[in-house]
Amino acid sequence: MSADGKAKSLETDVRSVDSTRILSLTGEIDMASAPQFQAAVDEALRDQPNTLVVDLSLVEFFGSAGLSVLLVAAEALPSGQLRVVASPPVRRPIEVTGLDKLLSVHNTVDDALSVEEPRRPA
């Protein structure tokens, strides 16, 4: 929430690096913004990238609705192809719920990109 009590808008940006799609989000992810987050994930996955990096490093609040979106994305991709870049407000709910054991969580986009890409079956 901003100083005037209004929810911060969610801003999204999608870019590609080789066969990896990077979805960057800024703002707050809660029940009100989760549909926008889900739509951004769906759009990022539309062309079936080899890997999706969800950059949440500039997200200031991350509610349970955001966790649900990450779980749906993880189920849509083979193991290891979803990587999450988490700020402390994002990392905390991921760790408290144990999702850090299911998700590949990183401190920076560079860290997420440096993970060896899984090979897709031919």
PDB file of N, CA and C in Angstrom:
ATOM      1  N   MET A   1       0.830  -1.172   0.000  1.00  0.00           N
ATOM      2  CA  MET A   1       0.000   0.000   0.000  1.00  0.00           C
ATOM      3  C   MET A   1       0.879   1.242   0.000  1.00  0.00           C
ATOM      4  N   SER A   2       0.472   2.224  -0.745  1.00  0.00           N
ATOM      5  CA  SER A   2       1.228   3.469  -0.791  1.00  0.00           C
ATOM      6  C   SER A   2       0.894   4.312   0.435  1.00  0.00           C
ATOM      7  N   ALA A   3       1.603   5.415   0.613  1.00  0.00           N
ATOM      8  CA  ALA A   3       1.414   6.273   1.778  1.00  0.00           C
ATOM      9  C   ALA A   3      -0.001   6.839   1.848  1.00  0.00           C
ATOM     10  N   ASP A   4      -0.673   6.989   0.718  1.00  0.00           N
ATOM     11  CA  ASP A   4      -2.031   7.528   0.730  1.00  0.00           C
ATOM     12  C   ASP A   4      -3.096   6.451   0.935  1.00  0.00           C
ATOM     13  N   GLY A   5      -2.671   5.216   1.207  1.00  0.00           N
ATOM     14  CA  GLY A   5      -3.604   4.134   1.507  1.00  0.00           C
ATOM     15  C   GLY A   5      -4.118   3.382   0.299  1.00  0.00           C
ATOM     16  N   LYS A   6      -3.683   3.758  -0.883  1.00  0.00           N
ATOM     17  CA  LYS A   6      -4.128   3.076  -2.098  1.00  0.00           C
ATOM     18  C   LYS A   6      -3.172   1.944  -2.441  1.00  0.00           C
ATOM     19  N   ALA A   7      -3.718   0.876  -2.981  1.00  0.00           N
ATOM     20  CA  ALA A   7      -2.880  -0.248  -3.406  1.00  0.00           C
ATOM     21  C   ALA A   7      -1.997   0.194  -4.566  1.00  0.00           C
ATOM     22  N   LYS A   8      -0.759  -0.268  -4.545  1.00  0.00           N
ATOM     23  CA  LYS A   8       0.156   0.051  -5.641  1.00  0.00           C
ATOM     24  C   LYS A   8      -0.209  -0.806  -6.842  1.00  0.00           C
ATOM     25  N   SER A   9      -0.131  -0.194  -8.013  1.00  0.00           N
ATOM     26  CA  SER A   9      -0.445  -0.952  -9.217  1.00  0.00           C
ATOM     27  C   SER A   9       0.665  -1.959  -9.497  1.00  0.00           C
ATOM     28  N   LEU A  10       0.311  -2.970 -10.227  1.00  0.00           N
ATOM     29  CA  LEU A  10       1.270  -4.001 -10.612  1.00  0.00           C
ATOM     30  C   LEU A  10       1.733  -3.698 -12.026  1.00  0.00           C
ATOM     31  N   GLU A  11       3.037  -3.548 -12.187  1.00  0.00           N
ATOM     32  CA  GLU A  11       3.609  -3.297 -13.502  1.00  0.00           C
ATOM     33  C   GLU A  11       4.329  -4.551 -13.960  1.00  0.00           C
ATOM     34  N   THR A  12       4.187  -4.866 -15.249  1.00  0.00           N
ATOM     35  CA  THR A  12       4.813  -6.071 -15.793  1.00  0.00           C
ATOM     36  C   THR A  12       5.645  -5.727 -17.021  1.00  0.00           C
ATOM     37  N   ASP A  13       6.663  -6.532 -17.240  1.00  0.00           N
ATOM     38  CA  ASP A  13       7.514  -6.390 -18.415  1.00  0.00           C
ATOM     39  C   ASP A  13       7.996  -7.788 -18.792  1.00  0.00           C
ATOM     40  N   VAL A  14       7.973  -8.101 -20.079  1.00  0.00           N
ATOM     41  CA  VAL A  14       8.427  -9.408 -20.550  1.00  0.00           C
ATOM     42  C   VAL A  14       9.530  -9.196 -21.578  1.00  0.00           C
ATOM     43  N   ARG A  15      10.605  -9.947 -21.430  1.00  0.00           N
ATOM     44  CA  ARG A  15      11.689  -9.914 -22.414  1.00  0.00           C
ATOM     45  C   ARG A  15      12.236 -11.319 -22.564  1.00  0.00           C
ATOM     46  N   SER A  16      12.995 -11.524 -23.625  1.00  0.00           N
ATOM     47  CA  SER A  16      13.583 -12.837 -23.881  1.00  0.00           C
ATOM     48  C   SER A  16      15.096 -12.737 -23.934  1.00  0.00           C
ATOM     49  N   VAL A  17      15.741 -13.758 -23.398  1.00  0.00           N
ATOM     50  CA  VAL A  17      17.185 -13.933 -23.503  1.00  0.00           C
ATOM     51  C   VAL A  17      17.382 -15.353 -24.008  1.00  0.00           C
ATOM     52  N   ASP A  18      17.797 -15.479 -25.259  1.00  0.00           N
ATOM     53  CA  ASP A  18      17.915 -16.786 -25.906  1.00  0.00           C
ATOM     54  C   ASP A  18      16.572 -17.505 -25.811  1.00  0.00           C
ATOM     55  N   SER A  19      16.529 -18.702 -25.240  1.00  0.00           N
ATOM     56  CA  SER A  19      15.275 -19.464 -25.151  1.00  0.00           C
ATOM     57  C   SER A  19      14.585 -19.285 -23.801  1.00  0.00           C
ATOM     58  N   THR A  20      14.995 -18.266 -23.064  1.00  0.00           N
ATOM     59  CA  THR A  20      14.420 -17.994 -21.742  1.00  0.00           C
ATOM     60  C   THR A  20      13.567 -16.736 -21.800  1.00  0.00           C
ATOM     61  N   ARG A  21      12.385 -16.809 -21.222  1.00  0.00           N
ATOM     62  CA  ARG A  21      11.513 -15.646 -21.099  1.00  0.00           C
ATOM     63  C   ARG A  21      11.659 -15.127 -19.672  1.00  0.00           C
ATOM     64  N   ILE A  22      11.812 -13.805 -19.542  1.00  0.00           N
ATOM     65  CA  ILE A  22      11.926 -13.168 -18.229  1.00  0.00           C
ATOM     66  C   ILE A  22      10.718 -12.264 -18.039  1.00  0.00           C
ATOM     67  N   LEU A  23       9.928 -12.571 -17.012  1.00  0.00           N
ATOM     68  CA  LEU A  23       8.761 -11.774 -16.650  1.00  0.00           C
ATOM     69  C   LEU A  23       9.120 -11.007 -15.389  1.00  0.00           C
ATOM     70  N   SER A  24       9.194  -9.684 -15.495  1.00  0.00           N
ATOM     71  CA  SER A  24       9.539  -8.839 -14.350  1.00  0.00           C
ATOM     72  C   SER A  24       8.288  -8.121 -13.869  1.00  0.00           C
ATOM     73  N   LEU A  25       8.099  -8.118 -12.557  1.00  0.00           N
ATOM     74  CA  LEU A  25       6.941  -7.461 -11.965  1.00  0.00           C
ATOM     75  C   LEU A  25       7.393  -6.471 -10.905  1.00  0.00           C
ATOM     76  N   THR A  26       6.653  -5.379 -10.791  1.00  0.00           N
ATOM     77  CA  THR A  26       6.924  -4.342  -9.805  1.00  0.00           C
ATOM     78  C   THR A  26       5.607  -3.955  -9.152  1.00  0.00           C
ATOM     79  N   GLY A  27       5.611  -3.829  -7.827  1.00  0.00           N
ATOM     80  CA  GLY A  27       4.412  -3.417  -7.108  1.00  0.00           C
ATOM     81  C   GLY A  27       4.035  -4.425  -6.049  1.00  0.00           C
ATOM     82  N   GLU A  28       2.734  -4.647  -5.910  1.00  0.00           N
ATOM     83  CA  GLU A  28       2.209  -5.566  -4.909  1.00  0.00           C
ATOM     84  C   GLU A  28       1.370  -6.640  -5.591  1.00  0.00           C
ATOM     85  N   ILE A  29       1.499  -7.872  -5.083  1.00  0.00           N
ATOM     86  CA  ILE A  29       0.702  -8.975  -5.614  1.00  0.00           C
ATOM     87  C   ILE A  29      -0.179  -9.485  -4.484  1.00  0.00           C
ATOM     88  N   ASP A  30      -1.475  -9.255  -4.653  1.00  0.00           N
ATOM     89  CA  ASP A  30      -2.466  -9.672  -3.671  1.00  0.00           C
ATOM     90  C   ASP A  30      -3.684 -10.195  -4.432  1.00  0.00           C
ATOM     91  N   MET A  31      -4.804 -10.368  -3.731  1.00  0.00           N
ATOM     92  CA  MET A  31      -5.997 -10.903  -4.396  1.00  0.00           C
ATOM     93  C   MET A  31      -6.457 -10.010  -5.543  1.00  0.00           C
ATOM     94  N   ALA A  32      -6.300  -8.710  -5.402  1.00  0.00           N
ATOM     95  CA  ALA A  32      -6.761  -7.789  -6.438  1.00  0.00           C
ATOM     96  C   ALA A  32      -5.878  -7.831  -7.687  1.00  0.00           C
ATOM     97  N   SER A  33      -4.574  -8.019  -7.504  1.00  0.00           N
ATOM     98  CA  SER A  33      -3.659  -7.990  -8.652  1.00  0.00           C
ATOM     99  C   SER A  33      -3.287  -9.379  -9.163  1.00  0.00           C
ATOM    100  N   ALA A  34      -3.686 -10.437  -8.459  1.00  0.00           N
ATOM    101  CA  ALA A  34      -3.344 -11.800  -8.883  1.00  0.00           C
ATOM    102  C   ALA A  34      -3.847 -12.131 -10.292  1.00  0.00           C
ATOM    103  N   PRO A  35      -5.055 -11.709 -10.696  1.00  0.00           N
ATOM    104  CA  PRO A  35      -5.473 -11.997 -12.076  1.00  0.00           C
ATOM    105  C   PRO A  35      -4.544 -11.356 -13.116  1.00  0.00           C
ATOM    106  N   GLN A  36      -4.044 -10.162 -12.837  1.00  0.00           N
ATOM    107  CA  GLN A  36      -3.094  -9.517 -13.746  1.00  0.00           C
ATOM    108  C   GLN A  36      -1.780 -10.296 -13.763  1.00  0.00           C
ATOM    109  N   PHE A  37      -1.337 -10.774 -12.603  1.00  0.00           N
ATOM    110  CA  PHE A  37      -0.128 -11.592 -12.507  1.00  0.00           C
ATOM    111  C   PHE A  37      -0.317 -12.873 -13.314  1.00  0.00           C
ATOM    112  N   GLN A  38      -1.473 -13.543 -13.153  1.00  0.00           N
ATOM    113  CA  GLN A  38      -1.749 -14.779 -13.887  1.00  0.00           C
ATOM    114  C   GLN A  38      -1.772 -14.522 -15.390  1.00  0.00           C
ATOM    115  N   ALA A  39      -2.385 -13.426 -15.810  1.00  0.00           N
ATOM    116  CA  ALA A  39      -2.439 -13.097 -17.240  1.00  0.00           C
ATOM    117  C   ALA A  39      -1.037 -12.850 -17.797  1.00  0.00           C
ATOM    118  N   ALA A  40      -0.181 -12.209 -17.006  1.00  0.00           N
ATOM    119  CA  ALA A  40       1.197 -11.955 -17.448  1.00  0.00           C
ATOM    120  C   ALA A  40       1.972 -13.261 -17.573  1.00  0.00           C
ATOM    121  N   VAL A  41       1.764 -14.184 -16.638  1.00  0.00           N
ATOM    122  CA  VAL A  41       2.419 -15.500 -16.704  1.00  0.00           C
ATOM    123  C   VAL A  41       1.921 -16.257 -17.929  1.00  0.00           C
ATOM    124  N   ASP A  42       0.609 -16.254 -18.140  1.00  0.00           N
ATOM    125  CA  ASP A  42       0.038 -16.939 -19.308  1.00  0.00           C
ATOM    126  C   ASP A  42       0.623 -16.386 -20.602  1.00  0.00           C
ATOM    127  N   GLU A  43       0.733 -15.077 -20.691  1.00  0.00           N
ATOM    128  CA  GLU A  43       1.300 -14.440 -21.886  1.00  0.00           C
ATOM    129  C   GLU A  43       2.764 -14.836 -22.060  1.00  0.00           C
ATOM    130  N   ALA A  44       3.524 -14.861 -20.965  1.00  0.00           N
ATOM    131  CA  ALA A  44       4.944 -15.226 -21.036  1.00  0.00           C
ATOM    132  C   ALA A  44       5.126 -16.675 -21.477  1.00  0.00           C
ATOM    133  N   LEU A  45       4.167 -17.534 -21.143  1.00  0.00           N
ATOM    134  CA  LEU A  45       4.257 -18.957 -21.487  1.00  0.00           C
ATOM    135  C   LEU A  45       3.666 -19.276 -22.859  1.00  0.00           C
ATOM    136  N   ARG A  46       3.001 -18.312 -23.469  1.00  0.00           N
ATOM    137  CA  ARG A  46       2.257 -18.571 -24.713  1.00  0.00           C
ATOM    138  C   ARG A  46       3.112 -19.211 -25.799  1.00  0.00           C
ATOM    139  N   ASP A  47       4.322 -18.740 -25.978  1.00  0.00           N
ATOM    140  CA  ASP A  47       5.191 -19.280 -27.030  1.00  0.00           C
ATOM    141  C   ASP A  47       6.060 -20.433 -26.546  1.00  0.00           C
ATOM    142  N   GLN A  48       5.727 -20.988 -25.403  1.00  0.00           N
ATOM    143  CA  GLN A  48       6.414 -22.148 -24.822  1.00  0.00           C
ATOM    144  C   GLN A  48       7.934 -21.967 -24.748  1.00  0.00           C
ATOM    145  N   PRO A  49       8.382 -20.985 -23.951  1.00  0.00           N
ATOM    146  CA  PRO A  49       9.829 -20.813 -23.789  1.00  0.00           C
ATOM    147  C   PRO A  49      10.432 -22.017 -23.083  1.00  0.00           C
ATOM    148  N   ASN A  50      11.724 -22.225 -23.286  1.00  0.00           N
ATOM    149  CA  ASN A  50      12.403 -23.330 -22.613  1.00  0.00           C
ATOM    150  C   ASN A  50      12.377 -23.130 -21.102  1.00  0.00           C
ATOM    151  N   THR A  51      12.550 -21.881 -20.669  1.00  0.00           N
ATOM    152  CA  THR A  51      12.590 -21.554 -19.244  1.00  0.00           C
ATOM    153  C   THR A  51      11.856 -20.242 -19.022  1.00  0.00           C
ATOM    154  N   LEU A  52      11.171 -20.135 -17.879  1.00  0.00           N
ATOM    155  CA  LEU A  52      10.538 -18.883 -17.481  1.00  0.00           C
ATOM    156  C   LEU A  52      11.159 -18.427 -16.173  1.00  0.00           C
ATOM    157  N   VAL A  53      11.712 -17.210 -16.189  1.00  0.00           N
ATOM    158  CA  VAL A  53      12.209 -16.578 -14.967  1.00  0.00           C
ATOM    159  C   VAL A  53      11.176 -15.531 -14.567  1.00  0.00           C
ATOM    160  N   VAL A  54      10.623 -15.665 -13.368  1.00  0.00           N
ATOM    161  CA  VAL A  54       9.681 -14.684 -12.843  1.00  0.00           C
ATOM    162  C   VAL A  54      10.455 -13.823 -11.853  1.00  0.00           C
ATOM    163  N   ASP A  55      10.717 -12.591 -12.261  1.00  0.00           N
ATOM    164  CA  ASP A  55      11.511 -11.666 -11.453  1.00  0.00           C
ATOM    165  C   ASP A  55      10.587 -10.865 -10.542  1.00  0.00           C
ATOM    166  N   LEU A  56      10.591 -11.235  -9.269  1.00  0.00           N
ATOM    167  CA  LEU A  56       9.770 -10.563  -8.264  1.00  0.00           C
ATOM    168  C   LEU A  56      10.635  -9.727  -7.325  1.00  0.00           C
ATOM    169  N   SER A  57      11.833  -9.367  -7.773  1.00  0.00           N
ATOM    170  CA  SER A  57      12.773  -8.650  -6.908  1.00  0.00           C
ATOM    171  C   SER A  57      12.291  -7.251  -6.533  1.00  0.00           C
ATOM    172  N   LEU A  58      11.380  -6.670  -7.301  1.00  0.00           N
ATOM    173  CA  LEU A  58      10.849  -5.342  -6.986  1.00  0.00           C
ATOM    174  C   LEU A  58       9.418  -5.399  -6.456  1.00  0.00           C
ATOM    175  N   VAL A  59       8.970  -6.589  -6.074  1.00  0.00           N
ATOM    176  CA  VAL A  59       7.641  -6.746  -5.490  1.00  0.00           C
ATOM    177  C   VAL A  59       7.739  -6.476  -3.991  1.00  0.00           C
ATOM    178  N   GLU A  60       6.867  -5.601  -3.498  1.00  0.00           N
ATOM    179  CA  GLU A  60       6.919  -5.166  -2.101  1.00  0.00           C
ATOM    180  C   GLU A  60       5.976  -5.936  -1.189  1.00  0.00           C
ATOM    181  N   PHE A  61       4.950  -6.549  -1.761  1.00  0.00           N
ATOM    182  CA  PHE A  61       4.021  -7.380  -0.987  1.00  0.00           C
ATOM    183  C   PHE A  61       3.655  -8.568  -1.851  1.00  0.00           C
ATOM    184  N   PHE A  62       3.623  -9.758  -1.236  1.00  0.00           N
ATOM    185  CA  PHE A  62       3.329 -10.977  -1.978  1.00  0.00           C
ATOM    186  C   PHE A  62       2.402 -11.844  -1.140  1.00  0.00           C
ATOM    187  N   GLY A  63       1.128 -11.852  -1.497  1.00  0.00           N
ATOM    188  CA  GLY A  63       0.132 -12.600  -0.746  1.00  0.00           C
ATOM    189  C   GLY A  63      -0.071 -14.010  -1.266  1.00  0.00           C
ATOM    190  N   SER A  64      -0.974 -14.717  -0.616  1.00  0.00           N
ATOM    191  CA  SER A  64      -1.220 -16.120  -0.954  1.00  0.00           C
ATOM    192  C   SER A  64      -1.733 -16.286  -2.383  1.00  0.00           C
ATOM    193  N   ALA A  65      -2.414 -15.292  -2.905  1.00  0.00           N
ATOM    194  CA  ALA A  65      -2.888 -15.379  -4.290  1.00  0.00           C
ATOM    195  C   ALA A  65      -1.707 -15.447  -5.257  1.00  0.00           C
ATOM    196  N   GLY A  66      -0.620 -14.773  -4.924  1.00  0.00           N
ATOM    197  CA  GLY A  66       0.591 -14.839  -5.742  1.00  0.00           C
ATOM    198  C   GLY A  66       1.227 -16.209  -5.693  1.00  0.00           C
ATOM    199  N   LEU A  67       1.190 -16.835  -4.513  1.00  0.00           N
ATOM    200  CA  LEU A  67       1.717 -18.199  -4.378  1.00  0.00           C
ATOM    201  C   LEU A  67       0.957 -19.148  -5.296  1.00  0.00           C
ATOM    202  N   SER A  68      -0.353 -18.977  -5.362  1.00  0.00           N
ATOM    203  CA  SER A  68      -1.177 -19.831  -6.224  1.00  0.00           C
ATOM    204  C   SER A  68      -0.787 -19.680  -7.688  1.00  0.00           C
ATOM    205  N   VAL A  69      -0.514 -18.454  -8.115  1.00  0.00           N
ATOM    206  CA  VAL A  69      -0.109 -18.221  -9.504  1.00  0.00           C
ATOM    207  C   VAL A  69       1.216 -18.925  -9.790  1.00  0.00           C
ATOM    208  N   LEU A  70       2.164 -18.844  -8.848  1.00  0.00           N
ATOM    209  CA  LEU A  70       3.444 -19.530  -9.042  1.00  0.00           C
ATOM    210  C   LEU A  70       3.258 -21.041  -9.134  1.00  0.00           C
ATOM    211  N   LEU A  71       2.370 -21.599  -8.320  1.00  0.00           N
ATOM    212  CA  LEU A  71       2.119 -23.044  -8.370  1.00  0.00           C
ATOM    213  C   LEU A  71       1.533 -23.457  -9.712  1.00  0.00           C
ATOM    214  N   VAL A  72       0.602 -22.674 -10.226  1.00  0.00           N
ATOM    215  CA  VAL A  72       0.013 -22.975 -11.537  1.00  0.00           C
ATOM    216  C   VAL A  72       1.097 -22.924 -12.613  1.00  0.00           C
ATOM    217  N   ALA A  73       1.970 -21.921 -12.543  1.00  0.00           N
ATOM    218  CA  ALA A  73       3.060 -21.808 -13.519  1.00  0.00           C
ATOM    219  C   ALA A  73       4.013 -22.986 -13.408  1.00  0.00           C
ATOM    220  N   ALA A  74       4.327 -23.394 -12.180  1.00  0.00           N
ATOM    221  CA  ALA A  74       5.236 -24.529 -11.975  1.00  0.00           C
ATOM    222  C   ALA A  74       4.647 -25.804 -12.565  1.00  0.00           C
ATOM    223  N   GLU A  75       3.337 -25.973 -12.446  1.00  0.00           N
ATOM    224  CA  GLU A  75       2.682 -27.161 -12.997  1.00  0.00           C
ATOM    225  C   GLU A  75       2.637 -27.123 -14.524  1.00  0.00           C
ATOM    226  N   ALA A  76       2.685 -25.923 -15.103  1.00  0.00           N
ATOM    227  CA  ALA A  76       2.618 -25.787 -16.560  1.00  0.00           C
ATOM    228  C   ALA A  76       3.957 -26.055 -17.236  1.00  0.00           C
ATOM    229  N   LEU A  77       5.023 -26.075 -16.454  1.00  0.00           N
ATOM    230  CA  LEU A  77       6.370 -26.270 -16.997  1.00  0.00           C
ATOM    231  C   LEU A  77       7.003 -27.526 -16.422  1.00  0.00           C
ATOM    232  N   PRO A  78       7.840 -28.197 -17.208  1.00  0.00           N
ATOM    233  CA  PRO A  78       8.594 -29.326 -16.649  1.00  0.00           C
ATOM    234  C   PRO A  78       9.482 -28.856 -15.498  1.00  0.00           C
ATOM    235  N   SER A  79       9.835 -29.773 -14.634  1.00  0.00           N
ATOM    236  CA  SER A  79      10.639 -29.473 -13.453  1.00  0.00           C
ATOM    237  C   SER A  79      11.889 -28.676 -13.800  1.00  0.00           C
ATOM    238  N   GLY A  80      12.149 -27.635 -13.027  1.00  0.00           N
ATOM    239  CA  GLY A  80      13.350 -26.835 -13.191  1.00  0.00           C
ATOM    240  C   GLY A  80      13.257 -25.734 -14.221  1.00  0.00           C
ATOM    241  N   GLN A  81      12.139 -25.655 -14.936  1.00  0.00           N
ATOM    242  CA  GLN A  81      12.035 -24.642 -15.985  1.00  0.00           C
ATOM    243  C   GLN A  81      11.393 -23.348 -15.508  1.00  0.00           C
ATOM    244  N   LEU A  82      10.883 -23.326 -14.280  1.00  0.00           N
ATOM    245  CA  LEU A  82      10.394 -22.093 -13.678  1.00  0.00           C
ATOM    246  C   LEU A  82      11.400 -21.675 -12.622  1.00  0.00           C
ATOM    247  N   ARG A  83      11.876 -20.447 -12.740  1.00  0.00           N
ATOM    248  CA  ARG A  83      12.816 -19.909 -11.757  1.00  0.00           C
ATOM    249  C   ARG A  83      12.242 -18.609 -11.226  1.00  0.00           C
ATOM    250  N   VAL A  84      12.314 -18.435  -9.925  1.00  0.00           N
ATOM    251  CA  VAL A  84      11.737 -17.270  -9.272  1.00  0.00           C
ATOM    252  C   VAL A  84      12.848 -16.447  -8.643  1.00  0.00           C
ATOM    253  N   VAL A  85      12.872 -15.155  -8.946  1.00  0.00           N
ATOM    254  CA  VAL A  85      13.793 -14.221  -8.302  1.00  0.00           C
ATOM    255  C   VAL A  85      12.977 -13.509  -7.233  1.00  0.00           C
ATOM    256  N   ALA A  86      13.384 -13.669  -5.978  1.00  0.00           N
ATOM    257  CA  ALA A  86      12.548 -13.234  -4.867  1.00  0.00           C
ATOM    258  C   ALA A  86      13.211 -12.172  -4.002  1.00  0.00           C
ATOM    259  N   SER A  87      12.470 -11.098  -3.753  1.00  0.00           N
ATOM    260  CA  SER A  87      12.850 -10.098  -2.762  1.00  0.00           C
ATOM    261  C   SER A  87      12.490 -10.672  -1.391  1.00  0.00           C
ATOM    262  N   PRO A  88      12.984 -10.095  -0.295  1.00  0.00           N
ATOM    263  CA  PRO A  88      12.615 -10.615   1.030  1.00  0.00           C
ATOM    264  C   PRO A  88      11.104 -10.716   1.266  1.00  0.00           C
ATOM    265  N   PRO A  89      10.281  -9.720   0.855  1.00  0.00           N
ATOM    266  CA  PRO A  89       8.839  -9.881   1.076  1.00  0.00           C
ATOM    267  C   PRO A  89       8.219 -11.028   0.272  1.00  0.00           C
ATOM    268  N   VAL A  90       8.871 -11.443  -0.796  1.00  0.00           N
ATOM    269  CA  VAL A  90       8.382 -12.564  -1.605  1.00  0.00           C
ATOM    270  C   VAL A  90       8.948 -13.874  -1.072  1.00  0.00           C
ATOM    271  N   ARG A  91      10.205 -13.866  -0.722  1.00  0.00           N
ATOM    272  CA  ARG A  91      10.869 -15.081  -0.243  1.00  0.00           C
ATOM    273  C   ARG A  91      10.213 -15.621   1.032  1.00  0.00           C
ATOM    274  N   ARG A  92       9.825 -14.730   1.931  1.00  0.00           N
ATOM    275  CA  ARG A  92       9.264 -15.166   3.218  1.00  0.00           C
ATOM    276  C   ARG A  92       8.042 -16.072   3.052  1.00  0.00           C
ATOM    277  N   PRO A  93       6.991 -15.673   2.333  1.00  0.00           N
ATOM    278  CA  PRO A  93       5.848 -16.584   2.193  1.00  0.00           C
ATOM    279  C   PRO A  93       6.191 -17.860   1.430  1.00  0.00           C
ATOM    280  N   ILE A  94       7.136 -17.777   0.501  1.00  0.00           N
ATOM    281  CA  ILE A  94       7.552 -18.982  -0.223  1.00  0.00           C
ATOM    282  C   ILE A  94       8.199 -19.966   0.745  1.00  0.00           C
ATOM    283  N   GLU A  95       9.063 -19.474   1.626  1.00  0.00           N
ATOM    284  CA  GLU A  95       9.740 -20.347   2.589  1.00  0.00           C
ATOM    285  C   GLU A  95       8.792 -20.853   3.668  1.00  0.00           C
ATOM    286  N   VAL A  96       7.919 -19.984   4.179  1.00  0.00           N
ATOM    287  CA  VAL A  96       6.992 -20.376   5.250  1.00  0.00           C
ATOM    288  C   VAL A  96       6.061 -21.493   4.789  1.00  0.00           C
ATOM    289  N   THR A  97       5.656 -21.452   3.525  1.00  0.00           N
ATOM    290  CA  THR A  97       4.745 -22.476   2.998  1.00  0.00           C
ATOM    291  C   THR A  97       5.477 -23.712   2.482  1.00  0.00           C
ATOM    292  N   GLY A  98       6.808 -23.677   2.476  1.00  0.00           N
ATOM    293  CA  GLY A  98       7.578 -24.816   1.996  1.00  0.00           C
ATOM    294  C   GLY A  98       7.708 -24.880   0.483  1.00  0.00           C
ATOM    295  N   LEU A  99       7.238 -23.856  -0.212  1.00  0.00           N
ATOM    296  CA  LEU A  99       7.319 -23.871  -1.672  1.00  0.00           C
ATOM    297  C   LEU A  99       8.744 -23.716  -2.178  1.00  0.00           C
ATOM    298  N   ASP A 100       9.651 -23.287  -1.305  1.00  0.00           N
ATOM    299  CA  ASP A 100      11.055 -23.186  -1.725  1.00  0.00           C
ATOM    300  C   ASP A 100      11.638 -24.561  -2.026  1.00  0.00           C
ATOM    301  N   LYS A 101      10.971 -25.617  -1.564  1.00  0.00           N
ATOM    302  CA  LYS A 101      11.415 -26.980  -1.873  1.00  0.00           C
ATOM    303  C   LYS A 101      10.913 -27.421  -3.254  1.00  0.00           C
ATOM    304  N   LEU A 102       9.883 -26.740  -3.759  1.00  0.00           N
ATOM    305  CA  LEU A 102       9.314 -27.066  -5.070  1.00  0.00           C
ATOM    306  C   LEU A 102       9.766 -26.103  -6.161  1.00  0.00           C
ATOM    307  N   LEU A 103      10.054 -24.875  -5.772  1.00  0.00           N
ATOM    308  CA  LEU A 103      10.417 -23.844  -6.735  1.00  0.00           C
ATOM    309  C   LEU A 103      11.914 -23.593  -6.709  1.00  0.00           C
ATOM    310  N   SER A 104      12.456 -23.192  -7.831  1.00  0.00           N
ATOM    311  CA  SER A 104      13.856 -22.796  -7.937  1.00  0.00           C
ATOM    312  C   SER A 104      13.912 -21.297  -7.639  1.00  0.00           C
ATOM    313  N   VAL A 105      14.343 -20.940  -6.413  1.00  0.00           N
ATOM    314  CA  VAL A 105      14.315 -19.547  -5.949  1.00  0.00           C
ATOM    315  C   VAL A 105      15.730 -18.976  -5.958  1.00  0.00           C
ATOM    316  N   HIS A 106      15.858 -17.755  -6.497  1.00  0.00           N
ATOM    317  CA  HIS A 106      17.170 -17.124  -6.667  1.00  0.00           C
ATOM    318  C   HIS A 106      17.144 -15.695  -6.147  1.00  0.00           C
ATOM    319  N   ASN A 107      18.335 -15.144  -5.889  1.00  0.00           N
ATOM    320  CA  ASN A 107      18.457 -13.771  -5.396  1.00  0.00           C
ATOM    321  C   ASN A 107      18.449 -12.735  -6.511  1.00  0.00           C
ATOM    322  N   THR A 108      18.967 -13.101  -7.679  1.00  0.00           N
ATOM    323  CA  THR A 108      19.044 -12.159  -8.805  1.00  0.00           C
ATOM    324  C   THR A 108      18.668 -12.858 -10.106  1.00  0.00           C
ATOM    325  N   VAL A 109      18.345 -12.058 -11.105  1.00  0.00           N
ATOM    326  CA  VAL A 109      18.054 -12.611 -12.432  1.00  0.00           C
ATOM    327  C   VAL A 109      19.297 -13.300 -12.976  1.00  0.00           C
ATOM    328  N   ASP A 110      20.466 -12.699 -12.776  1.00  0.00           N
ATOM    329  CA  ASP A 110      21.705 -13.328 -13.251  1.00  0.00           C
ATOM    330  C   ASP A 110      21.897 -14.709 -12.634  1.00  0.00           C
ATOM    331  N   ASP A 111      21.600 -14.839 -11.328  1.00  0.00           N
ATOM    332  CA  ASP A 111      21.690 -16.155 -10.678  1.00  0.00           C
ATOM    333  C   ASP A 111      20.736 -17.144 -11.343  1.00  0.00           C
ATOM    334  N   ALA A 112      19.513 -16.698 -11.605  1.00  0.00           N
ATOM    335  CA  ALA A 112      18.513 -17.576 -12.223  1.00  0.00           C
ATOM    336  C   ALA A 112      18.928 -17.980 -13.631  1.00  0.00           C
ATOM    337  N   LEU A 113      19.527 -17.053 -14.365  1.00  0.00           N
ATOM    338  CA  LEU A 113      19.956 -17.351 -15.734  1.00  0.00           C
ATOM    339  C   LEU A 113      21.184 -18.243 -15.775  1.00  0.00           C
ATOM    340  N   SER A 114      21.972 -18.246 -14.710  1.00  0.00           N
ATOM    341  CA  SER A 114      23.212 -19.029 -14.712  1.00  0.00           C
ATOM    342  C   SER A 114      22.987 -20.510 -14.428  1.00  0.00           C
ATOM    343  N   VAL A 115      21.772 -20.874 -14.023  1.00  0.00           N
ATOM    344  CA  VAL A 115      21.457 -22.281 -13.783  1.00  0.00           C
ATOM    345  C   VAL A 115      21.442 -22.995 -15.125  1.00  0.00           C
ATOM    346  N   GLU A 116      22.069 -24.158 -15.171  1.00  0.00           N
ATOM    347  CA  GLU A 116      22.106 -24.910 -16.426  1.00  0.00           C
ATOM    348  C   GLU A 116      20.698 -25.260 -16.862  1.00  0.00           C
ATOM    349  N   GLU A 117      20.413 -25.000 -18.131  1.00  0.00           N
ATOM    350  CA  GLU A 117      19.081 -25.260 -18.673  1.00  0.00           C
ATOM    351  C   GLU A 117      18.813 -26.751 -18.782  1.00  0.00           C
ATOM    352  N   PRO A 118      17.628 -27.180 -18.335  1.00  0.00           N
ATOM    353  CA  PRO A 118      17.269 -28.583 -18.542  1.00  0.00           C
ATOM    354  C   PRO A 118      17.049 -28.842 -20.022  1.00  0.00           C
ATOM    355  N   ARG A 119      17.341 -30.027 -20.448  1.00  0.00           N
ATOM    356  CA  ARG A 119      17.151 -30.384 -21.863  1.00  0.00           C
ATOM    357  C   ARG A 119      15.751 -30.926 -22.061  1.00  0.00           C
ATOM    358  N   ARG A 120      15.132 -30.468 -23.117  1.00  0.00           N
ATOM    359  CA  ARG A 120      13.805 -30.974 -23.472  1.00  0.00           C
ATOM    360  C   ARG A 120      13.965 -32.245 -24.272  1.00  0.00           C
ATOM    361  N   PRO A 121      13.077 -33.208 -24.065  1.00  0.00           N
ATOM    362  CA  PRO A 121      13.138 -34.424 -24.876  1.00  0.00           C
ATOM    363  C   PRO A 121      12.891 -34.087 -26.341  1.00  0.00           C
ATOM    364  N   ALA A 122      13.551 -34.819 -27.214  1.00  0.00           N
ATOM    365  CA  ALA A 122      13.406 -34.571 -28.662  1.00  0.00           C
ATOM    366  C   ALA A 122      12.086 -35.078 -29.172  1.00  0.00           C
TER     367      ALA A 122
END
